[in-house]
C-alpha cells in the first residue's frame, strides 16, 4: 500500500517533470505489482523520441535523489492513452 509520503513524492516528481515537459500526462500512481516497496508513476510520454529521452533522464535523476534522501523507490514509466481511459 502506498503511504502518504510516497504519494506526495510521486506527485513532486511528476510536477517537476510537467513544468519542464508540459505535454506529459499523468495516468496513475500505483504500487508496483513486482514489489510492494516500489511505486510506479505512469505517464504518457512525448511523441518526440528526443524529448522522451530527456524526460527519462530527468525522471531518473529525480527518482535517485528521492531514493537517497527518503529511501523510497519511485519509477516513472511510459503508459498509453488506453490505460489512462481505463484508470
PDB file of N, CA and C in Angstrom:
ATOM      1  N   UNK A   1       0.832  -1.165   0.000  1.00  0.00           N
ATOM      2  CA  UNK A   1       0.000   0.000   0.000  1.00  0.00           C
ATOM      3  C   UNK A   1       0.895   1.253   0.000  1.00  0.00           C
ATOM      4  N   UNK A   2       0.555   2.196  -0.830  1.00  0.00           N
ATOM      5  CA  UNK A   2       1.318   3.436  -0.941  1.00  0.00           C
ATOM      6  C   UNK A   2       0.996   4.323   0.259  1.00  0.00           C
ATOM      7  N   UNK A   3       2.050   4.792   0.927  1.00  0.00           N
ATOM      8  CA  UNK A   3       1.801   5.676   2.058  1.00  0.00           C
ATOM      9  C   UNK A   3       1.735   7.135   1.586  1.00  0.00           C
ATOM     10  N   UNK A   4       1.359   8.018   2.505  1.00  0.00           N
ATOM     11  CA  UNK A   4       1.153   9.425   2.169  1.00  0.00           C
ATOM     12  C   UNK A   4       2.421  10.056   1.597  1.00  0.00           C
ATOM     13  N   UNK A   5       3.573   9.784   2.207  1.00  0.00           N
ATOM     14  CA  UNK A   5       4.835  10.400   1.767  1.00  0.00           C
ATOM     15  C   UNK A   5       5.216   9.918   0.369  1.00  0.00           C
ATOM     16  N   UNK A   6       5.041   8.627   0.092  1.00  0.00           N
ATOM     17  CA  UNK A   6       5.326   8.105  -1.250  1.00  0.00           C
ATOM     18  C   UNK A   6       4.448   8.787  -2.290  1.00  0.00           C
ATOM     19  N   UNK A   7       3.176   8.953  -1.968  1.00  0.00           N
ATOM     20  CA  UNK A   7       2.253   9.608  -2.890  1.00  0.00           C
ATOM     21  C   UNK A   7       2.660  11.071  -3.097  1.00  0.00           C
ATOM     22  N   UNK A   8       2.984  11.738  -2.009  1.00  0.00           N
ATOM     23  CA  UNK A   8       3.423  13.136  -2.096  1.00  0.00           C
ATOM     24  C   UNK A   8       4.676  13.269  -2.975  1.00  0.00           C
ATOM     25  N   UNK A   9       5.664  12.422  -2.730  1.00  0.00           N
ATOM     26  CA  UNK A   9       6.910  12.483  -3.504  1.00  0.00           C
ATOM     27  C   UNK A   9       6.691  12.100  -4.967  1.00  0.00           C
ATOM     28  N   UNK A  10       5.774  11.200  -5.223  1.00  0.00           N
ATOM     29  CA  UNK A  10       5.438  10.834  -6.607  1.00  0.00           C
ATOM     30  C   UNK A  10       4.860  12.040  -7.334  1.00  0.00           C
ATOM     31  N   UNK A  11       4.014  12.783  -6.659  1.00  0.00           N
ATOM     32  CA  UNK A  11       3.446  13.997  -7.260  1.00  0.00           C
ATOM     33  C   UNK A  11       4.515  15.081  -7.444  1.00  0.00           C
ATOM     34  N   UNK A  12       5.455  15.148  -6.530  1.00  0.00           N
ATOM     35  CA  UNK A  12       6.557  16.109  -6.666  1.00  0.00           C
ATOM     36  C   UNK A  12       7.352  15.798  -7.937  1.00  0.00           C
ATOM     37  N   UNK A  13       7.668  14.532  -8.143  1.00  0.00           N
ATOM     38  CA  UNK A  13       8.397  14.141  -9.352  1.00  0.00           C
ATOM     39  C   UNK A  13       7.600  14.528 -10.590  1.00  0.00           C
ATOM     40  N   UNK A  14       6.319  14.149 -10.609  1.00  0.00           N
ATOM     41  CA  UNK A  14       5.504  14.450 -11.786  1.00  0.00           C
ATOM     42  C   UNK A  14       5.395  15.952 -12.013  1.00  0.00           C
ATOM     43  N   UNK A  15       5.180  16.717 -10.956  1.00  0.00           N
ATOM     44  CA  UNK A  15       5.031  18.167 -11.095  1.00  0.00           C
ATOM     45  C   UNK A  15       6.300  18.813 -11.654  1.00  0.00           C
ATOM     46  N   UNK A  16       7.454  18.356 -11.197  1.00  0.00           N
ATOM     47  CA  UNK A  16       8.713  18.894 -11.718  1.00  0.00           C
ATOM     48  C   UNK A  16       8.888  18.535 -13.190  1.00  0.00           C
ATOM     49  N   UNK A  17       8.530  17.306 -13.545  1.00  0.00           N
ATOM     50  CA  UNK A  17       8.608  16.895 -14.952  1.00  0.00           C
ATOM     51  C   UNK A  17       7.632  17.703 -15.804  1.00  0.00           C
ATOM     52  N   UNK A  18       6.438  17.895 -15.290  1.00  0.00           N
ATOM     53  CA  UNK A  18       5.389  18.616 -16.015  1.00  0.00           C
ATOM     54  C   UNK A  18       5.788  20.078 -16.265  1.00  0.00           C
ATOM     55  N   UNK A  19       6.500  20.684 -15.316  1.00  0.00           N
ATOM     56  CA  UNK A  19       6.973  22.055 -15.510  1.00  0.00           C
ATOM     57  C   UNK A  19       7.906  22.151 -16.713  1.00  0.00           C
ATOM     58  N   UNK A  20       8.762  21.176 -16.869  1.00  0.00           N
ATOM     59  CA  UNK A  20       9.744  21.188 -17.965  1.00  0.00           C
ATOM     60  C   UNK A  20       9.160  20.613 -19.247  1.00  0.00           C
ATOM     61  N   UNK A  21       8.239  19.673 -19.107  1.00  0.00           N
ATOM     62  CA  UNK A  21       7.640  18.986 -20.259  1.00  0.00           C
ATOM     63  C   UNK A  21       6.115  19.062 -20.135  1.00  0.00           C
ATOM     64  N   UNK A  22       5.521  20.171 -20.531  1.00  0.00           N
ATOM     65  CA  UNK A  22       4.073  20.373 -20.323  1.00  0.00           C
ATOM     66  C   UNK A  22       3.185  19.377 -21.062  1.00  0.00           C
ATOM     67  N   UNK A  23       3.725  18.681 -22.047  1.00  0.00           N
ATOM     68  CA  UNK A  23       2.919  17.718 -22.799  1.00  0.00           C
ATOM     69  C   UNK A  23       2.717  16.396 -22.046  1.00  0.00           C
ATOM     70  N   UNK A  24       3.424  16.192 -20.937  1.00  0.00           N
ATOM     71  CA  UNK A  24       3.246  14.961 -20.154  1.00  0.00           C
ATOM     72  C   UNK A  24       1.846  14.900 -19.567  1.00  0.00           C
ATOM     73  N   UNK A  25       1.318  13.683 -19.485  1.00  0.00           N
ATOM     74  CA  UNK A  25       0.016  13.456 -18.853  1.00  0.00           C
ATOM     75  C   UNK A  25       0.168  12.348 -17.819  1.00  0.00           C
ATOM     76  N   UNK A  26      -0.370  12.591 -16.642  1.00  0.00           N
ATOM     77  CA  UNK A  26      -0.348  11.575 -15.588  1.00  0.00           C
ATOM     78  C   UNK A  26      -1.462  10.575 -15.840  1.00  0.00           C
ATOM     79  N   UNK A  27      -1.119   9.302 -15.850  1.00  0.00           N
ATOM     80  CA  UNK A  27      -2.124   8.238 -15.993  1.00  0.00           C
ATOM     81  C   UNK A  27      -2.553   7.783 -14.604  1.00  0.00           C
ATOM     82  N   UNK A  28      -1.587   7.367 -13.793  1.00  0.00           N
ATOM     83  CA  UNK A  28      -1.890   6.952 -12.427  1.00  0.00           C
ATOM     84  C   UNK A  28      -0.609   6.769 -11.632  1.00  0.00           C
ATOM     85  N   UNK A  29      -0.772   6.612 -10.349  1.00  0.00           N
ATOM     86  CA  UNK A  29       0.322   6.297  -9.439  1.00  0.00           C
ATOM     87  C   UNK A  29      -0.114   5.038  -8.703  1.00  0.00           C
ATOM     88  N   UNK A  30       0.678   3.978  -8.857  1.00  0.00           N
ATOM     89  CA  UNK A  30       0.289   2.688  -8.284  1.00  0.00           C
ATOM     90  C   UNK A  30       1.471   2.032  -7.575  1.00  0.00           C
ATOM     91  N   UNK A  31       1.141   1.102  -6.697  1.00  0.00           N
ATOM     92  CA  UNK A  31       2.163   0.244  -6.107  1.00  0.00           C
ATOM     93  C   UNK A  31       2.608  -0.735  -7.182  1.00  0.00           C
ATOM     94  N   UNK A  32       3.885  -0.946  -7.268  1.00  0.00           N
ATOM     95  CA  UNK A  32       4.407  -1.883  -8.254  1.00  0.00           C
ATOM     96  C   UNK A  32       3.860  -3.285  -7.999  1.00  0.00           C
ATOM     97  N   UNK A  33       3.380  -3.959  -9.034  1.00  0.00           N
ATOM     98  CA  UNK A  33       2.938  -5.338  -8.848  1.00  0.00           C
ATOM     99  C   UNK A  33       4.125  -6.285  -8.608  1.00  0.00           C
ATOM    100  N   UNK A  34       5.329  -5.799  -8.897  1.00  0.00           N
ATOM    101  CA  UNK A  34       6.531  -6.620  -8.717  1.00  0.00           C
ATOM    102  C   UNK A  34       7.113  -6.525  -7.312  1.00  0.00           C
ATOM    103  N   UNK A  35       6.896  -5.373  -6.662  1.00  0.00           N
ATOM    104  CA  UNK A  35       7.464  -5.163  -5.332  1.00  0.00           C
ATOM    105  C   UNK A  35       6.619  -4.170  -4.553  1.00  0.00           C
ATOM    106  N   UNK A  36       6.211  -4.515  -3.354  1.00  0.00           N
ATOM    107  CA  UNK A  36       5.413  -3.589  -2.548  1.00  0.00           C
ATOM    108  C   UNK A  36       6.221  -2.384  -2.066  1.00  0.00           C
ATOM    109  N   UNK A  37       7.520  -2.386  -2.314  1.00  0.00           N
ATOM    110  CA  UNK A  37       8.374  -1.282  -1.883  1.00  0.00           C
ATOM    111  C   UNK A  37       8.628  -0.270  -2.994  1.00  0.00           C
ATOM    112  N   UNK A  38       8.068  -0.510  -4.172  1.00  0.00           N
ATOM    113  CA  UNK A  38       8.242   0.398  -5.305  1.00  0.00           C
ATOM    114  C   UNK A  38       6.917   1.026  -5.695  1.00  0.00           C
ATOM    115  N   UNK A  39       7.005   2.260  -6.162  1.00  0.00           N
ATOM    116  CA  UNK A  39       5.837   2.983  -6.639  1.00  0.00           C
ATOM    117  C   UNK A  39       6.086   3.318  -8.107  1.00  0.00           C
ATOM    118  N   UNK A  40       5.050   3.143  -8.915  1.00  0.00           N
ATOM    119  CA  UNK A  40       5.140   3.473 -10.335  1.00  0.00           C
ATOM    120  C   UNK A  40       4.304   4.710 -10.620  1.00  0.00           C
ATOM    121  N   UNK A  41       4.930   5.678 -11.265  1.00  0.00           N
ATOM    122  CA  UNK A  41       4.229   6.866 -11.749  1.00  0.00           C
ATOM    123  C   UNK A  41       4.103   6.672 -13.261  1.00  0.00           C
ATOM    124  N   UNK A  42       2.909   6.329 -13.708  1.00  0.00           N
ATOM    125  CA  UNK A  42       2.675   6.062 -15.125  1.00  0.00           C
ATOM    126  C   UNK A  42       2.267   7.348 -15.828  1.00  0.00           C
ATOM    127  N   UNK A  43       2.994   7.687 -16.894  1.00  0.00           N
ATOM    128  CA  UNK A  43       2.734   8.917 -17.639  1.00  0.00           C
ATOM    129  C   UNK A  43       2.680   8.620 -19.131  1.00  0.00           C
ATOM    130  N   UNK A  44       2.011   9.501 -19.848  1.00  0.00           N
ATOM    131  CA  UNK A  44       2.042   9.444 -21.304  1.00  0.00           C
ATOM    132  C   UNK A  44       3.203  10.322 -21.736  1.00  0.00           C
ATOM    133  N   UNK A  45       4.171   9.698 -22.376  1.00  0.00           N
ATOM    134  CA  UNK A  45       5.402  10.373 -22.783  1.00  0.00           C
ATOM    135  C   UNK A  45       5.180  11.203 -24.052  1.00  0.00           C
ATOM    136  N   UNK A  46       6.096  12.147 -24.295  1.00  0.00           N
ATOM    137  CA  UNK A  46       6.026  12.922 -25.546  1.00  0.00           C
ATOM    138  C   UNK A  46       6.210  12.015 -26.761  1.00  0.00           C
ATOM    139  N   UNK A  47       5.641  12.426 -27.885  1.00  0.00           N
ATOM    140  CA  UNK A  47       5.787  11.652 -29.113  1.00  0.00           C
ATOM    141  C   UNK A  47       7.198  11.753 -29.687  1.00  0.00           C
ATOM    142  N   UNK A  48       7.858  12.845 -29.407  1.00  0.00           N
ATOM    143  CA  UNK A  48       9.214  13.064 -29.909  1.00  0.00           C
ATOM    144  C   UNK A  48      10.213  12.224 -29.105  1.00  0.00           C
ATOM    145  N   UNK A  49      10.993  11.409 -29.799  1.00  0.00           N
ATOM    146  CA  UNK A  49      11.907  10.481 -29.140  1.00  0.00           C
ATOM    147  C   UNK A  49      12.975  11.208 -28.316  1.00  0.00           C
ATOM    148  N   UNK A  50      13.489  12.317 -28.833  1.00  0.00           N
ATOM    149  CA  UNK A  50      14.496  13.077 -28.091  1.00  0.00           C
ATOM    150  C   UNK A  50      13.922  13.651 -26.804  1.00  0.00           C
ATOM    151  N   UNK A  51      12.688  14.146 -26.867  1.00  0.00           N
ATOM    152  CA  UNK A  51      12.025  14.682 -25.666  1.00  0.00           C
ATOM    153  C   UNK A  51      11.786  13.565 -24.656  1.00  0.00           C
ATOM    154  N   UNK A  52      11.385  12.409 -25.160  1.00  0.00           N
ATOM    155  CA  UNK A  52      11.155  11.280 -24.258  1.00  0.00           C
ATOM    156  C   UNK A  52      12.444  10.911 -23.519  1.00  0.00           C
ATOM    157  N   UNK A  53      13.549  10.921 -24.230  1.00  0.00           N
ATOM    158  CA  UNK A  53      14.828  10.623 -23.580  1.00  0.00           C
ATOM    159  C   UNK A  53      15.160  11.667 -22.521  1.00  0.00           C
ATOM    160  N   UNK A  54      14.859  12.927 -22.797  1.00  0.00           N
ATOM    161  CA  UNK A  54      15.080  13.982 -21.808  1.00  0.00           C
ATOM    162  C   UNK A  54      14.206  13.769 -20.573  1.00  0.00           C
ATOM    163  N   UNK A  55      12.949  13.375 -20.799  1.00  0.00           N
ATOM    164  CA  UNK A  55      12.042  13.094 -19.677  1.00  0.00           C
ATOM    165  C   UNK A  55      12.609  11.957 -18.836  1.00  0.00           C
ATOM    166  N   UNK A  56      13.013  10.891 -19.500  1.00  0.00           N
ATOM    167  CA  UNK A  56      13.536   9.726 -18.780  1.00  0.00           C
ATOM    168  C   UNK A  56      14.782  10.076 -17.967  1.00  0.00           C
ATOM    169  N   UNK A  57      15.656  10.901 -18.557  1.00  0.00           N
ATOM    170  CA  UNK A  57      16.875  11.314 -17.854  1.00  0.00           C
ATOM    171  C   UNK A  57      16.537  12.119 -16.600  1.00  0.00           C
ATOM    172  N   UNK A  58      15.668  13.101 -16.753  1.00  0.00           N
ATOM    173  CA  UNK A  58      15.287  13.929 -15.617  1.00  0.00           C
ATOM    174  C   UNK A  58      14.562  13.107 -14.550  1.00  0.00           C
ATOM    175  N   UNK A  59      13.659  12.225 -14.985  1.00  0.00           N
ATOM    176  CA  UNK A  59      12.925  11.367 -14.048  1.00  0.00           C
ATOM    177  C   UNK A  59      13.882  10.475 -13.270  1.00  0.00           C
ATOM    178  N   UNK A  60      14.868   9.965 -13.937  1.00  0.00           N
ATOM    179  CA  UNK A  60      15.847   9.100 -13.291  1.00  0.00           C
ATOM    180  C   UNK A  60      16.636   9.867 -12.224  1.00  0.00           C
ATOM    181  N   UNK A  61      17.012  11.109 -12.540  1.00  0.00           N
ATOM    182  CA  UNK A  61      17.739  11.928 -11.564  1.00  0.00           C
ATOM    183  C   UNK A  61      16.862  12.262 -10.359  1.00  0.00           C
ATOM    184  N   UNK A  62      15.612  12.635 -10.614  1.00  0.00           N
ATOM    185  CA  UNK A  62      14.697  12.951  -9.516  1.00  0.00           C
ATOM    186  C   UNK A  62      14.434  11.728  -8.642  1.00  0.00           C
ATOM    187  N   UNK A  63      14.241  10.588  -9.277  1.00  0.00           N
ATOM    188  CA  UNK A  63      13.996   9.340  -8.533  1.00  0.00           C
ATOM    189  C   UNK A  63      15.197   8.956  -7.687  1.00  0.00           C
ATOM    190  N   UNK A  64      16.385   9.124  -8.240  1.00  0.00           N
ATOM    191  CA  UNK A  64      17.608   8.799  -7.494  1.00  0.00           C
ATOM    192  C   UNK A  64      17.754   9.712  -6.279  1.00  0.00           C
ATOM    193  N   UNK A  65      17.449  10.997  -6.460  1.00  0.00           N
ATOM    194  CA  UNK A  65      17.527  11.933  -5.334  1.00  0.00           C
ATOM    195  C   UNK A  65      16.562  11.531  -4.219  1.00  0.00           C
ATOM    196  N   UNK A  66      15.348  11.174  -4.592  1.00  0.00           N
ATOM    197  CA  UNK A  66      14.354  10.764  -3.593  1.00  0.00           C
ATOM    198  C   UNK A  66      14.781   9.475  -2.903  1.00  0.00           C
ATOM    199  N   UNK A  67      15.331   8.566  -3.675  1.00  0.00           N
ATOM    200  CA  UNK A  67      15.787   7.304  -3.084  1.00  0.00           C
ATOM    201  C   UNK A  67      16.893   7.562  -2.065  1.00  0.00           C
ATOM    202  N   UNK A  68      17.816   8.454  -2.407  1.00  0.00           N
ATOM    203  CA  UNK A  68      18.916   8.766  -1.485  1.00  0.00           C
ATOM    204  C   UNK A  68      18.415   9.527  -0.246  1.00  0.00           C
ATOM    205  N   UNK A  69      17.481  10.447  -0.442  1.00  0.00           N
ATOM    206  CA  UNK A  69      17.006  11.281   0.662  1.00  0.00           C
ATOM    207  C   UNK A  69      15.979  10.583   1.564  1.00  0.00           C
ATOM    208  N   UNK A  70      15.104   9.775   0.958  1.00  0.00           N
ATOM    209  CA  UNK A  70      13.983   9.200   1.714  1.00  0.00           C
ATOM    210  C   UNK A  70      13.968   7.675   1.747  1.00  0.00           C
ATOM    211  N   UNK A  71      14.712   7.038   0.853  1.00  0.00           N
ATOM    212  CA  UNK A  71      14.725   5.587   0.802  1.00  0.00           C
ATOM    213  C   UNK A  71      13.576   4.971   0.024  1.00  0.00           C
ATOM    214  N   UNK A  72      12.796   5.808  -0.650  1.00  0.00           N
ATOM    215  CA  UNK A  72      11.668   5.302  -1.443  1.00  0.00           C
ATOM    216  C   UNK A  72      12.088   5.079  -2.888  1.00  0.00           C
ATOM    217  N   UNK A  73      11.617   3.988  -3.450  1.00  0.00           N
ATOM    218  CA  UNK A  73      11.902   3.637  -4.841  1.00  0.00           C
ATOM    219  C   UNK A  73      10.692   4.015  -5.698  1.00  0.00           C
ATOM    220  N   UNK A  74      10.842   5.090  -6.475  1.00  0.00           N
ATOM    221  CA  UNK A  74       9.750   5.586  -7.306  1.00  0.00           C
ATOM    222  C   UNK A  74      10.221   5.624  -8.750  1.00  0.00           C
ATOM    223  N   UNK A  75       9.492   4.947  -9.621  1.00  0.00           N
ATOM    224  CA  UNK A  75       9.845   4.887 -11.043  1.00  0.00           C
ATOM    225  C   UNK A  75       8.806   5.621 -11.878  1.00  0.00           C
ATOM    226  N   UNK A  76       9.277   6.325 -12.899  1.00  0.00           N
ATOM    227  CA  UNK A  76       8.388   6.957 -13.871  1.00  0.00           C
ATOM    228  C   UNK A  76       8.407   6.073 -15.110  1.00  0.00           C
ATOM    229  N   UNK A  77       7.223   5.591 -15.484  1.00  0.00           N
ATOM    230  CA  UNK A  77       7.114   4.658 -16.598  1.00  0.00           C
ATOM    231  C   UNK A  77       6.180   5.200 -17.676  1.00  0.00           C
ATOM    232  N   UNK A  78       6.439   4.772 -18.889  1.00  0.00           N
ATOM    233  CA  UNK A  78       5.608   5.165 -20.020  1.00  0.00           C
ATOM    234  C   UNK A  78       4.321   4.355 -20.021  1.00  0.00           C
ATOM    235  N   UNK A  79       3.236   5.031 -20.310  1.00  0.00           N
ATOM    236  CA  UNK A  79       1.918   4.402 -20.371  1.00  0.00           C
ATOM    237  C   UNK A  79       1.226   4.818 -21.655  1.00  0.00           C
ATOM    238  N   UNK A  80       0.044   4.300 -21.869  1.00  0.00           N
ATOM    239  CA  UNK A  80      -0.688   4.631 -23.097  1.00  0.00           C
ATOM    240  C   UNK A  80      -1.992   5.349 -22.757  1.00  0.00           C
ATOM    241  N   UNK A  81      -2.566   5.973 -23.755  1.00  0.00           N
ATOM    242  CA  UNK A  81      -3.856   6.658 -23.567  1.00  0.00           C
ATOM    243  C   UNK A  81      -4.949   5.661 -23.189  1.00  0.00           C
ATOM    244  N   UNK A  82      -4.868   4.455 -23.700  1.00  0.00           N
ATOM    245  CA  UNK A  82      -5.867   3.428 -23.382  1.00  0.00           C
ATOM    246  C   UNK A  82      -5.836   3.118 -21.887  1.00  0.00           C
ATOM    247  N   UNK A  83      -4.623   3.070 -21.320  1.00  0.00           N
ATOM    248  CA  UNK A  83      -4.501   2.799 -19.882  1.00  0.00           C
ATOM    249  C   UNK A  83      -5.065   3.967 -19.085  1.00  0.00           C
ATOM    250  N   UNK A  84      -4.914   5.178 -19.598  1.00  0.00           N
ATOM    251  CA  UNK A  84      -5.461   6.346 -18.903  1.00  0.00           C
ATOM    252  C   UNK A  84      -6.984   6.290 -18.888  1.00  0.00           C
ATOM    253  N   UNK A  85      -7.569   5.880 -19.994  1.00  0.00           N
ATOM    254  CA  UNK A  85      -9.028   5.770 -20.062  1.00  0.00           C
ATOM    255  C   UNK A  85      -9.549   4.694 -19.118  1.00  0.00           C
ATOM    256  N   UNK A  86      -8.763   3.625 -18.968  1.00  0.00           N
ATOM    257  CA  UNK A  86      -9.175   2.520 -18.106  1.00  0.00           C
ATOM    258  C   UNK A  86      -9.009   2.879 -16.621  1.00  0.00           C
ATOM    259  N   UNK A  87      -8.118   3.830 -16.335  1.00  0.00           N
ATOM    260  CA  UNK A  87      -7.817   4.171 -14.926  1.00  0.00           C
ATOM    261  C   UNK A  87      -8.871   5.005 -14.315  1.00  0.00           C
TER     262      UNK A  87
END
